[in-house]
Amino acid sequence: MPNSPRSNAISDQRDRSDTLQDGWNYEATVAEVEEILAQIESGELELADVFDRFSTAMEYLRQCEGFLAQRQKQVDLLIETLTDEQEF
């Protein structure tokens, strides 16, 4: 069913997520969080810098969480679509 409402929803969601994610990379963001944690753990930062870096890491983690949640929704929708197609 290539023109079903579900397949259109998957396509629309993919288009929106690709537009929202242009230039953003999950792996690079995780690497940045790891770098920030290493800086904090080193003990070489001033206390104010620790809070700033921690805040930045938390924002990156929120972005990663949103990205993963969005991808999980896509997977769930694809599985549902495949299950529905097998019933026919």
PDB file of N, CA and C in Angstrom:
ATOM      1  N   MET A   1       0.820  -1.199   0.000  1.00  0.00           N
ATOM      2  CA  MET A   1       0.000   0.000   0.000  1.00  0.00           C
ATOM      3  C   MET A   1       0.859   1.256   0.000  1.00  0.00           C
ATOM      4  N   PRO A   2       1.491   1.600  -1.091  1.00  0.00           N
ATOM      5  CA  PRO A   2       2.378   2.747  -1.100  1.00  0.00           C
ATOM      6  C   PRO A   2       1.688   4.075  -0.856  1.00  0.00           C
ATOM      7  N   ASN A   3       0.397   4.188  -1.137  1.00  0.00           N
ATOM      8  CA  ASN A   3      -0.294   5.463  -0.964  1.00  0.00           C
ATOM      9  C   ASN A   3      -1.219   5.470   0.240  1.00  0.00           C
ATOM     10  N   SER A   4      -1.007   4.565   1.173  1.00  0.00           N
ATOM     11  CA  SER A   4      -1.854   4.519   2.359  1.00  0.00           C
ATOM     12  C   SER A   4      -1.564   5.721   3.251  1.00  0.00           C
ATOM     13  N   PRO A   5      -2.516   6.082   4.112  1.00  0.00           N
ATOM     14  CA  PRO A   5      -2.283   7.197   5.034  1.00  0.00           C
ATOM     15  C   PRO A   5      -1.058   6.983   5.916  1.00  0.00           C
ATOM     16  N   ARG A   6      -0.822   5.737   6.306  1.00  0.00           N
ATOM     17  CA  ARG A   6       0.346   5.464   7.161  1.00  0.00           C
ATOM     18  C   ARG A   6       1.644   5.695   6.414  1.00  0.00           C
ATOM     19  N   SER A   7       1.728   5.228   5.164  1.00  0.00           N
ATOM     20  CA  SER A   7       2.965   5.425   4.416  1.00  0.00           C
ATOM     21  C   SER A   7       3.191   6.910   4.143  1.00  0.00           C
ATOM     22  N   ASN A   8       2.114   7.657   3.911  1.00  0.00           N
ATOM     23  CA  ASN A   8       2.253   9.107   3.746  1.00  0.00           C
ATOM     24  C   ASN A   8       2.715   9.753   5.040  1.00  0.00           C
ATOM     25  N   ALA A   9       2.209   9.283   6.165  1.00  0.00           N
ATOM     26  CA  ALA A   9       2.622   9.831   7.461  1.00  0.00           C
ATOM     27  C   ALA A   9       4.095   9.563   7.705  1.00  0.00           C
ATOM     28  N   ILE A  10       4.555   8.371   7.335  1.00  0.00           N
ATOM     29  CA  ILE A  10       5.975   8.041   7.503  1.00  0.00           C
ATOM     30  C   ILE A  10       6.820   8.968   6.648  1.00  0.00           C
ATOM     31  N   SER A  11       6.412   9.160   5.399  1.00  0.00           N
ATOM     32  CA  SER A  11       7.149  10.033   4.501  1.00  0.00           C
ATOM     33  C   SER A  11       7.173  11.465   5.017  1.00  0.00           C
ATOM     34  N   ASP A  12       6.015  11.968   5.466  1.00  0.00           N
ATOM     35  CA  ASP A  12       5.943  13.331   5.998  1.00  0.00           C
ATOM     36  C   ASP A  12       6.813  13.483   7.222  1.00  0.00           C
ATOM     37  N   GLN A  13       6.771  12.478   8.117  1.00  0.00           N
ATOM     38  CA  GLN A  13       7.570  12.549   9.340  1.00  0.00           C
ATOM     39  C   GLN A  13       9.058  12.526   8.995  1.00  0.00           C
ATOM     40  N   ARG A  14       9.442  11.687   8.032  1.00  0.00           N
ATOM     41  CA  ARG A  14      10.841  11.605   7.630  1.00  0.00           C
ATOM     42  C   ARG A  14      11.292  12.937   7.048  1.00  0.00           C
ATOM     43  N   ASP A  15      10.454  13.549   6.205  1.00  0.00           N
ATOM     44  CA  ASP A  15      10.801  14.840   5.614  1.00  0.00           C
ATOM     45  C   ASP A  15      10.990  15.902   6.691  1.00  0.00           C
ATOM     46  N   ARG A  16      10.075  15.950   7.670  1.00  0.00           N
ATOM     47  CA  ARG A  16      10.191  16.938   8.751  1.00  0.00           C
ATOM     48  C   ARG A  16      11.431  16.698   9.582  1.00  0.00           C
ATOM     49  N   SER A  17      11.720  15.443   9.920  1.00  0.00           N
ATOM     50  CA  SER A  17      12.864  15.163  10.779  1.00  0.00           C
ATOM     51  C   SER A  17      14.166  15.456  10.054  1.00  0.00           C
ATOM     52  N   ASP A  18      14.230  15.168   8.736  1.00  0.00           N
ATOM     53  CA  ASP A  18      15.432  15.481   7.986  1.00  0.00           C
ATOM     54  C   ASP A  18      15.658  16.983   7.941  1.00  0.00           C
ATOM     55  N   THR A  19      14.592  17.751   7.776  1.00  0.00           N
ATOM     56  CA  THR A  19      14.710  19.207   7.751  1.00  0.00           C
ATOM     57  C   THR A  19      15.157  19.730   9.113  1.00  0.00           C
ATOM     58  N   LEU A  20      14.576  19.190  10.177  1.00  0.00           N
ATOM     59  CA  LEU A  20      14.928  19.642  11.520  1.00  0.00           C
ATOM     60  C   LEU A  20      16.348  19.248  11.890  1.00  0.00           C
ATOM     61  N   GLN A  21      16.844  18.172  11.319  1.00  0.00           N
ATOM     62  CA  GLN A  21      18.129  17.631  11.726  1.00  0.00           C
ATOM     63  C   GLN A  21      19.273  18.006  10.784  1.00  0.00           C
ATOM     64  N   ASP A  22      19.032  18.848   9.796  1.00  0.00           N
ATOM     65  CA  ASP A  22      20.100  19.229   8.872  1.00  0.00           C
ATOM     66  C   ASP A  22      21.306  19.739   9.647  1.00  0.00           C
ATOM     67  N   GLY A  23      22.457  19.137   9.366  1.00  0.00           N
ATOM     68  CA  GLY A  23      23.691  19.574  10.002  1.00  0.00           C
ATOM     69  C   GLY A  23      23.888  19.040  11.414  1.00  0.00           C
ATOM     70  N   TRP A  24      22.892  18.400  11.968  1.00  0.00           N
ATOM     71  CA  TRP A  24      22.997  17.859  13.324  1.00  0.00           C
ATOM     72  C   TRP A  24      23.361  16.385  13.222  1.00  0.00           C
ATOM     73  N   ASN A  25      24.271  15.932  14.063  1.00  0.00           N
ATOM     74  CA  ASN A  25      24.737  14.556  14.005  1.00  0.00           C
ATOM     75  C   ASN A  25      24.713  13.955  15.406  1.00  0.00           C
ATOM     76  N   TYR A  26      23.977  12.859  15.551  1.00  0.00           N
ATOM     77  CA  TYR A  26      23.832  12.208  16.858  1.00  0.00           C
ATOM     78  C   TYR A  26      25.189  11.800  17.436  1.00  0.00           C
ATOM     79  N   GLU A  27      25.983  11.109  16.639  1.00  0.00           N
ATOM     80  CA  GLU A  27      27.265  10.608  17.122  1.00  0.00           C
ATOM     81  C   GLU A  27      28.196  11.750  17.527  1.00  0.00           C
ATOM     82  N   ALA A  28      28.210  12.811  16.737  1.00  0.00           N
ATOM     83  CA  ALA A  28      29.061  13.958  17.071  1.00  0.00           C
ATOM     84  C   ALA A  28      28.591  14.631  18.362  1.00  0.00           C
ATOM     85  N   THR A  29      27.284  14.676  18.557  1.00  0.00           N
ATOM     86  CA  THR A  29      26.739  15.293  19.763  1.00  0.00           C
ATOM     87  C   THR A  29      27.079  14.456  20.991  1.00  0.00           C
ATOM     88  N   VAL A  30      26.980  13.140  20.872  1.00  0.00           N
ATOM     89  CA  VAL A  30      27.359  12.257  21.980  1.00  0.00           C
ATOM     90  C   VAL A  30      28.846  12.418  22.291  1.00  0.00           C
ATOM     91  N   ALA A  31      29.669  12.504  21.260  1.00  0.00           N
ATOM     92  CA  ALA A  31      31.112  12.709  21.463  1.00  0.00           C
ATOM     93  C   ALA A  31      31.379  14.026  22.189  1.00  0.00           C
ATOM     94  N   GLU A  32      30.617  15.050  21.856  1.00  0.00           N
ATOM     95  CA  GLU A  32      30.770  16.347  22.527  1.00  0.00           C
ATOM     96  C   GLU A  32      30.385  16.238  24.004  1.00  0.00           C
ATOM     97  N   VAL A  33      29.324  15.512  24.297  1.00  0.00           N
ATOM     98  CA  VAL A  33      28.917  15.305  25.694  1.00  0.00           C
ATOM     99  C   VAL A  33      30.031  14.581  26.447  1.00  0.00           C
ATOM    100  N   GLU A  34      30.600  13.559  25.820  1.00  0.00           N
ATOM    101  CA  GLU A  34      31.704  12.826  26.455  1.00  0.00           C
ATOM    102  C   GLU A  34      32.894  13.735  26.717  1.00  0.00           C
ATOM    103  N   GLU A  35      33.193  14.618  25.787  1.00  0.00           N
ATOM    104  CA  GLU A  35      34.291  15.574  25.958  1.00  0.00           C
ATOM    105  C   GLU A  35      34.004  16.522  27.124  1.00  0.00           C
ATOM    106  N   ILE A  36      32.781  16.999  27.190  1.00  0.00           N
ATOM    107  CA  ILE A  36      32.394  17.891  28.285  1.00  0.00           C
ATOM    108  C   ILE A  36      32.538  17.172  29.622  1.00  0.00           C
ATOM    109  N   LEU A  37      32.089  15.934  29.693  1.00  0.00           N
ATOM    110  CA  LEU A  37      32.211  15.174  30.941  1.00  0.00           C
ATOM    111  C   LEU A  37      33.668  14.985  31.331  1.00  0.00           C
ATOM    112  N   ALA A  38      34.523  14.728  30.355  1.00  0.00           N
ATOM    113  CA  ALA A  38      35.953  14.582  30.630  1.00  0.00           C
ATOM    114  C   ALA A  38      36.529  15.884  31.186  1.00  0.00           C
ATOM    115  N   GLN A  39      36.092  17.018  30.623  1.00  0.00           N
ATOM    116  CA  GLN A  39      36.559  18.319  31.120  1.00  0.00           C
ATOM    117  C   GLN A  39      36.116  18.532  32.559  1.00  0.00           C
ATOM    118  N   ILE A  40      34.869  18.212  32.835  1.00  0.00           N
ATOM    119  CA  ILE A  40      34.341  18.392  34.195  1.00  0.00           C
ATOM    120  C   ILE A  40      35.081  17.475  35.170  1.00  0.00           C
ATOM    121  N   GLU A  41      35.260  16.216  34.778  1.00  0.00           N
ATOM    122  CA  GLU A  41      35.912  15.245  35.651  1.00  0.00           C
ATOM    123  C   GLU A  41      37.388  15.553  35.882  1.00  0.00           C
ATOM    124  N   SER A  42      38.003  16.291  34.967  1.00  0.00           N
ATOM    125  CA  SER A  42      39.433  16.597  35.101  1.00  0.00           C
ATOM    126  C   SER A  42      39.713  17.474  36.311  1.00  0.00           C
ATOM    127  N   GLY A  43      38.701  18.231  36.736  1.00  0.00           N
ATOM    128  CA  GLY A  43      38.889  19.117  37.878  1.00  0.00           C
ATOM    129  C   GLY A  43      39.643  20.399  37.557  1.00  0.00           C
ATOM    130  N   GLU A  44      39.878  20.654  36.290  1.00  0.00           N
ATOM    131  CA  GLU A  44      40.651  21.821  35.884  1.00  0.00           C
ATOM    132  C   GLU A  44      39.796  23.048  35.578  1.00  0.00           C
ATOM    133  N   LEU A  45      38.490  22.898  35.576  1.00  0.00           N
ATOM    134  CA  LEU A  45      37.596  24.015  35.261  1.00  0.00           C
ATOM    135  C   LEU A  45      37.236  24.791  36.519  1.00  0.00           C
ATOM    136  N   GLU A  46      37.015  26.084  36.336  1.00  0.00           N
ATOM    137  CA  GLU A  46      36.464  26.896  37.412  1.00  0.00           C
ATOM    138  C   GLU A  46      35.028  26.449  37.658  1.00  0.00           C
ATOM    139  N   LEU A  47      34.524  26.685  38.854  1.00  0.00           N
ATOM    140  CA  LEU A  47      33.190  26.222  39.208  1.00  0.00           C
ATOM    141  C   LEU A  47      32.124  26.779  38.259  1.00  0.00           C
ATOM    142  N   ALA A  48      32.216  28.051  37.916  1.00  0.00           N
ATOM    143  CA  ALA A  48      31.242  28.647  36.994  1.00  0.00           C
ATOM    144  C   ALA A  48      31.291  27.952  35.635  1.00  0.00           C
ATOM    145  N   ASP A  49      32.488  27.594  35.187  1.00  0.00           N
ATOM    146  CA  ASP A  49      32.641  26.890  33.914  1.00  0.00           C
ATOM    147  C   ASP A  49      32.049  25.484  33.986  1.00  0.00           C
ATOM    148  N   VAL A  50      32.184  24.855  35.148  1.00  0.00           N
ATOM    149  CA  VAL A  50      31.594  23.521  35.325  1.00  0.00           C
ATOM    150  C   VAL A  50      30.085  23.605  35.108  1.00  0.00           C
ATOM    151  N   PHE A  51      29.449  24.592  35.714  1.00  0.00           N
ATOM    152  CA  PHE A  51      28.000  24.740  35.559  1.00  0.00           C
ATOM    153  C   PHE A  51      27.619  25.054  34.118  1.00  0.00           C
ATOM    154  N   ASP A  52      28.384  25.899  33.454  1.00  0.00           N
ATOM    155  CA  ASP A  52      28.110  26.217  32.048  1.00  0.00           C
ATOM    156  C   ASP A  52      28.251  24.985  31.162  1.00  0.00           C
ATOM    157  N   ARG A  53      29.328  24.246  31.355  1.00  0.00           N
ATOM    158  CA  ARG A  53      29.566  23.050  30.546  1.00  0.00           C
ATOM    159  C   ARG A  53      28.510  21.984  30.832  1.00  0.00           C
ATOM    160  N   PHE A  54      28.133  21.847  32.106  1.00  0.00           N
ATOM    161  CA  PHE A  54      27.102  20.886  32.475  1.00  0.00           C
ATOM    162  C   PHE A  54      25.775  21.246  31.807  1.00  0.00           C
ATOM    163  N   SER A  55      25.444  22.529  31.807  1.00  0.00           N
ATOM    164  CA  SER A  55      24.216  22.991  31.165  1.00  0.00           C
ATOM    165  C   SER A  55      24.236  22.675  29.666  1.00  0.00           C
ATOM    166  N   THR A  56      25.367  22.892  29.038  1.00  0.00           N
ATOM    167  CA  THR A  56      25.519  22.580  27.616  1.00  0.00           C
ATOM    168  C   THR A  56      25.347  21.086  27.366  1.00  0.00           C
ATOM    169  N   ALA A  57      25.967  20.267  28.214  1.00  0.00           N
ATOM    170  CA  ALA A  57      25.843  18.815  28.068  1.00  0.00           C
ATOM    171  C   ALA A  57      24.394  18.376  28.220  1.00  0.00           C
ATOM    172  N   MET A  58      23.676  18.968  29.157  1.00  0.00           N
ATOM    173  CA  MET A  58      22.270  18.613  29.352  1.00  0.00           C
ATOM    174  C   MET A  58      21.434  18.969  28.119  1.00  0.00           C
ATOM    175  N   GLU A  59      21.710  20.108  27.516  1.00  0.00           N
ATOM    176  CA  GLU A  59      20.987  20.497  26.296  1.00  0.00           C
ATOM    177  C   GLU A  59      21.279  19.500  25.170  1.00  0.00           C
ATOM    178  N   TYR A  60      22.539  19.115  25.020  1.00  0.00           N
ATOM    179  CA  TYR A  60      22.895  18.121  24.002  1.00  0.00           C
ATOM    180  C   TYR A  60      22.184  16.799  24.262  1.00  0.00           C
ATOM    181  N   LEU A  61      22.110  16.406  25.530  1.00  0.00           N
ATOM    182  CA  LEU A  61      21.429  15.156  25.865  1.00  0.00           C
ATOM    183  C   LEU A  61      19.933  15.239  25.567  1.00  0.00           C
ATOM    184  N   ARG A  62      19.327  16.403  25.775  1.00  0.00           N
ATOM    185  CA  ARG A  62      17.911  16.588  25.415  1.00  0.00           C
ATOM    186  C   ARG A  62      17.722  16.440  23.904  1.00  0.00           C
ATOM    187  N   GLN A  63      18.652  16.994  23.140  1.00  0.00           N
ATOM    188  CA  GLN A  63      18.588  16.852  21.691  1.00  0.00           C
ATOM    189  C   GLN A  63      18.684  15.382  21.283  1.00  0.00           C
ATOM    190  N   CYS A  64      19.607  14.669  21.907  1.00  0.00           N
ATOM    191  CA  CYS A  64      19.773  13.244  21.605  1.00  0.00           C
ATOM    192  C   CYS A  64      18.521  12.460  21.974  1.00  0.00           C
ATOM    193  N   GLU A  65      17.958  12.766  23.121  1.00  0.00           N
ATOM    194  CA  GLU A  65      16.749  12.090  23.568  1.00  0.00           C
ATOM    195  C   GLU A  65      15.599  12.338  22.591  1.00  0.00           C
ATOM    196  N   GLY A  66      15.449  13.571  22.139  1.00  0.00           N
ATOM    197  CA  GLY A  66      14.411  13.901  21.170  1.00  0.00           C
ATOM    198  C   GLY A  66      14.619  13.178  19.854  1.00  0.00           C
ATOM    199  N   PHE A  67      15.856  13.113  19.411  1.00  0.00           N
ATOM    200  CA  PHE A  67      16.202  12.417  18.178  1.00  0.00           C
ATOM    201  C   PHE A  67      15.838  10.936  18.284  1.00  0.00           C
ATOM    202  N   LEU A  68      16.222  10.304  19.396  1.00  0.00           N
ATOM    203  CA  LEU A  68      15.931   8.883  19.578  1.00  0.00           C
ATOM    204  C   LEU A  68      14.432   8.621  19.701  1.00  0.00           C
ATOM    205  N   ALA A  69      13.721   9.494  20.394  1.00  0.00           N
ATOM    206  CA  ALA A  69      12.271   9.335  20.529  1.00  0.00           C
ATOM    207  C   ALA A  69      11.597   9.445  19.166  1.00  0.00           C
ATOM    208  N   GLN A  70      12.050  10.384  18.362  1.00  0.00           N
ATOM    209  CA  GLN A  70      11.498  10.567  17.018  1.00  0.00           C
ATOM    210  C   GLN A  70      11.750   9.331  16.153  1.00  0.00           C
ATOM    211  N   ARG A  71      12.948   8.795  16.226  1.00  0.00           N
ATOM    212  CA  ARG A  71      13.272   7.599  15.450  1.00  0.00           C
ATOM    213  C   ARG A  71      12.481   6.392  15.949  1.00  0.00           C
ATOM    214  N   GLN A  72      12.259   6.300  17.263  1.00  0.00           N
ATOM    215  CA  GLN A  72      11.474   5.201  17.806  1.00  0.00           C
ATOM    216  C   GLN A  72      10.043   5.251  17.279  1.00  0.00           C
ATOM    217  N   LYS A  73       9.478   6.452  17.186  1.00  0.00           N
ATOM    218  CA  LYS A  73       8.129   6.602  16.636  1.00  0.00           C
ATOM    219  C   LYS A  73       8.092   6.125  15.187  1.00  0.00           C
ATOM    220  N   GLN A  74       9.125   6.453  14.423  1.00  0.00           N
ATOM    221  CA  GLN A  74       9.183   6.013  13.033  1.00  0.00           C
ATOM    222  C   GLN A  74       9.235   4.495  12.945  1.00  0.00           C
ATOM    223  N   VAL A  75      10.052   3.878  13.798  1.00  0.00           N
ATOM    224  CA  VAL A  75      10.163   2.418  13.802  1.00  0.00           C
ATOM    225  C   VAL A  75       8.829   1.791  14.185  1.00  0.00           C
ATOM    226  N   ASP A  76       8.185   2.319  15.221  1.00  0.00           N
ATOM    227  CA  ASP A  76       6.890   1.794  15.650  1.00  0.00           C
ATOM    228  C   ASP A  76       5.861   1.888  14.530  1.00  0.00           C
ATOM    229  N   LEU A  77       5.859   3.002  13.827  1.00  0.00           N
ATOM    230  CA  LEU A  77       4.919   3.188  12.727  1.00  0.00           C
ATOM    231  C   LEU A  77       5.207   2.223  11.580  1.00  0.00           C
ATOM    232  N   LEU A  78       6.477   2.022  11.288  1.00  0.00           N
ATOM    233  CA  LEU A  78       6.846   1.064  10.242  1.00  0.00           C
ATOM    234  C   LEU A  78       6.424  -0.355  10.626  1.00  0.00           C
ATOM    235  N   ILE A  79       6.648  -0.733  11.872  1.00  0.00           N
ATOM    236  CA  ILE A  79       6.253  -2.063  12.335  1.00  0.00           C
ATOM    237  C   ILE A  79       4.745  -2.223  12.246  1.00  0.00           C
ATOM    238  N   GLU A  80       4.015  -1.208  12.661  1.00  0.00           N
ATOM    239  CA  GLU A  80       2.551  -1.253  12.585  1.00  0.00           C
ATOM    240  C   GLU A  80       2.088  -1.387  11.133  1.00  0.00           C
ATOM    241  N   THR A  81       2.729  -0.662  10.246  1.00  0.00           N
ATOM    242  CA  THR A  81       2.381  -0.720   8.829  1.00  0.00           C
ATOM    243  C   THR A  81       2.641  -2.117   8.277  1.00  0.00           C
ATOM    244  N   LEU A  82       3.794  -2.690   8.629  1.00  0.00           N
ATOM    245  CA  LEU A  82       4.113  -4.038   8.147  1.00  0.00           C
ATOM    246  C   LEU A  82       3.141  -5.069   8.701  1.00  0.00           C
ATOM    247  N   THR A  83       2.771  -4.914   9.957  1.00  0.00           N
ATOM    248  CA  THR A  83       1.820  -5.835  10.582  1.00  0.00           C
ATOM    249  C   THR A  83       0.473  -5.736   9.886  1.00  0.00           C
ATOM    250  N   ASP A  84       0.028  -4.523   9.600  1.00  0.00           N
ATOM    251  CA  ASP A  84      -1.256  -4.324   8.911  1.00  0.00           C
ATOM    252  C   ASP A  84      -1.220  -4.917   7.507  1.00  0.00           C
ATOM    253  N   GLU A  85      -0.119  -4.786   6.799  1.00  0.00           N
ATOM    254  CA  GLU A  85      -0.004  -5.297   5.450  1.00  0.00           C
ATOM    255  C   GLU A  85      -0.027  -6.828   5.442  1.00  0.00           C
ATOM    256  N   GLN A  86       0.517  -7.460   6.473  1.00  0.00           N
ATOM    257  CA  GLN A  86       0.546  -8.916   6.538  1.00  0.00           C
ATOM    258  C   GLN A  86      -0.841  -9.491   6.765  1.00  0.00           C
ATOM    259  N   GLU A  87      -1.751  -8.716   7.325  1.00  0.00           N
ATOM    260  CA  GLU A  87      -3.109  -9.185   7.588  1.00  0.00           C
ATOM    261  C   GLU A  87      -3.914  -9.346   6.297  1.00  0.00           C
ATOM    262  N   PHE A  88      -3.513  -8.687   5.224  1.00  0.00           N
ATOM    263  CA  PHE A  88      -4.254  -8.749   3.971  1.00  0.00           C
ATOM    264  C   PHE A  88      -3.880  -9.934   3.165  1.00  0.00           C
TER     265      PHE A  88
END
